Amino acid sequence: MNIVKRYISDFTGIAIGLIALGVVAGVVFGDVPFVGAISNSFIATVTSLGDAGAVGALVLAIIVAVSD
């Protein structure tokens, strides 16, 4: 069971890293087919959270996650 948990944890870490890389690449290189979908989705999510007043909580969560 611990092996399965480790694989899931590793896969999740890789997926989060790829999403972050896609967002950064979208900002740096503009509209690239795969990257454009990630950055557009991320921007839409941040916009909807901003409309709900939750951007501060999101930014705080990102800062805490990055600082670990």
C-alpha atoms as a PDB file:
ATOM      1  CA  MET A   1       0.000   0.000   0.000  1.00  0.00           C
ATOM      2  CA  ASN A   2       2.885   2.377   0.744  1.00  0.00           C
ATOM      3  CA  ILE A   3       4.243   1.794  -2.744  1.00  0.00           C
ATOM      4  CA  VAL A   4       0.930   2.905  -4.280  1.00  0.00           C
ATOM      5  CA  LYS A   5       0.864   6.017  -2.091  1.00  0.00           C
ATOM      6  CA  ARG A   6       4.427   6.845  -3.106  1.00  0.00           C
ATOM      7  CA  TYR A   7       3.615   6.452  -6.814  1.00  0.00           C
ATOM      8  CA  ILE A   8       0.541   8.663  -6.474  1.00  0.00           C
ATOM      9  CA  SER A   9       2.574  11.265  -4.594  1.00  0.00           C
ATOM     10  CA  ASP A  10       5.326  11.191  -7.218  1.00  0.00           C
ATOM     11  CA  PHE A  11       2.840  11.457 -10.082  1.00  0.00           C
ATOM     12  CA  THR A  12       1.074  14.379  -8.398  1.00  0.00           C
ATOM     13  CA  GLY A  13       4.389  16.178  -7.935  1.00  0.00           C
ATOM     14  CA  ILE A  14       5.256  15.691 -11.586  1.00  0.00           C
ATOM     15  CA  ALA A  15       1.814  16.898 -12.709  1.00  0.00           C
ATOM     16  CA  ILE A  16       2.045  20.031 -10.568  1.00  0.00           C
ATOM     17  CA  GLY A  17       5.525  20.724 -11.925  1.00  0.00           C
ATOM     18  CA  LEU A  18       4.314  20.376 -15.518  1.00  0.00           C
ATOM     19  CA  ILE A  19       1.387  22.713 -14.896  1.00  0.00           C
ATOM     20  CA  ALA A  20       3.701  25.309 -13.346  1.00  0.00           C
ATOM     21  CA  LEU A  21       6.112  24.940 -16.260  1.00  0.00           C
ATOM     22  CA  GLY A  22       3.222  25.383 -18.697  1.00  0.00           C
ATOM     23  CA  VAL A  23       2.081  28.590 -17.004  1.00  0.00           C
ATOM     24  CA  VAL A  24       5.606  30.040 -17.018  1.00  0.00           C
ATOM     25  CA  ALA A  25       6.173  29.010 -20.633  1.00  0.00           C
ATOM     26  CA  GLY A  26       2.846  30.599 -21.590  1.00  0.00           C
ATOM     27  CA  VAL A  27       3.912  33.868 -20.008  1.00  0.00           C
ATOM     28  CA  VAL A  28       7.370  33.792 -21.610  1.00  0.00           C
ATOM     29  CA  PHE A  29       6.569  32.448 -25.099  1.00  0.00           C
ATOM     30  CA  GLY A  30       2.962  33.545 -25.574  1.00  0.00           C
ATOM     31  CA  ASP A  31       0.360  31.362 -27.246  1.00  0.00           C
ATOM     32  CA  VAL A  32       1.891  27.927 -27.789  1.00  0.00           C
ATOM     33  CA  PRO A  33      -0.691  25.164 -28.495  1.00  0.00           C
ATOM     34  CA  PHE A  34      -0.248  23.035 -25.348  1.00  0.00           C
ATOM     35  CA  VAL A  35       0.900  25.895 -23.152  1.00  0.00           C
ATOM     36  CA  GLY A  36      -1.860  28.227 -24.293  1.00  0.00           C
ATOM     37  CA  ALA A  37      -4.545  25.922 -22.943  1.00  0.00           C
ATOM     38  CA  ILE A  38      -2.848  25.712 -19.556  1.00  0.00           C
ATOM     39  CA  SER A  39      -2.264  29.438 -19.211  1.00  0.00           C
ATOM     40  CA  ASN A  40      -5.771  30.314 -20.405  1.00  0.00           C
ATOM     41  CA  SER A  41      -7.261  27.890 -17.902  1.00  0.00           C
ATOM     42  CA  PHE A  42      -5.066  29.261 -15.117  1.00  0.00           C
ATOM     43  CA  ILE A  43      -5.992  32.845 -15.966  1.00  0.00           C
ATOM     44  CA  ALA A  44      -9.684  31.955 -16.033  1.00  0.00           C
ATOM     45  CA  THR A  45      -9.385  30.315 -12.622  1.00  0.00           C
ATOM     46  CA  VAL A  46      -7.580  33.298 -11.109  1.00  0.00           C
ATOM     47  CA  THR A  47     -10.132  35.662 -12.639  1.00  0.00           C
ATOM     48  CA  SER A  48     -13.059  33.718 -11.211  1.00  0.00           C
ATOM     49  CA  LEU A  49     -11.382  33.611  -7.794  1.00  0.00           C
ATOM     50  CA  GLY A  50     -10.696  37.330  -8.056  1.00  0.00           C
ATOM     51  CA  ASP A  51     -14.349  37.989  -8.755  1.00  0.00           C
ATOM     52  CA  ALA A  52     -15.183  36.001  -5.617  1.00  0.00           C
ATOM     53  CA  GLY A  53     -12.586  37.895  -3.551  1.00  0.00           C
ATOM     54  CA  ALA A  54     -10.389  34.848  -2.937  1.00  0.00           C
ATOM     55  CA  VAL A  55      -7.238  35.961  -4.765  1.00  0.00           C
ATOM     56  CA  GLY A  56      -5.497  36.903  -1.534  1.00  0.00           C
ATOM     57  CA  ALA A  57      -6.028  33.409  -0.136  1.00  0.00           C
ATOM     58  CA  LEU A  58      -4.843  31.845  -3.384  1.00  0.00           C
ATOM     59  CA  VAL A  59      -1.692  33.964  -3.524  1.00  0.00           C
ATOM     60  CA  LEU A  60      -0.960  33.185   0.130  1.00  0.00           C
ATOM     61  CA  ALA A  61      -1.366  29.445  -0.547  1.00  0.00           C
ATOM     62  CA  ILE A  62       0.984  29.652  -3.543  1.00  0.00           C
ATOM     63  CA  ILE A  63       3.599  31.566  -1.561  1.00  0.00           C
ATOM     64  CA  VAL A  64       3.433  29.068   1.296  1.00  0.00           C
ATOM     65  CA  ALA A  65       3.671  26.117  -1.112  1.00  0.00           C
ATOM     66  CA  VAL A  66       6.632  27.603  -2.969  1.00  0.00           C
ATOM     67  CA  SER A  67       8.508  28.498   0.218  1.00  0.00           C
ATOM     68  CA  ASP A  68       8.461  24.886   1.496  1.00  0.00           C
END
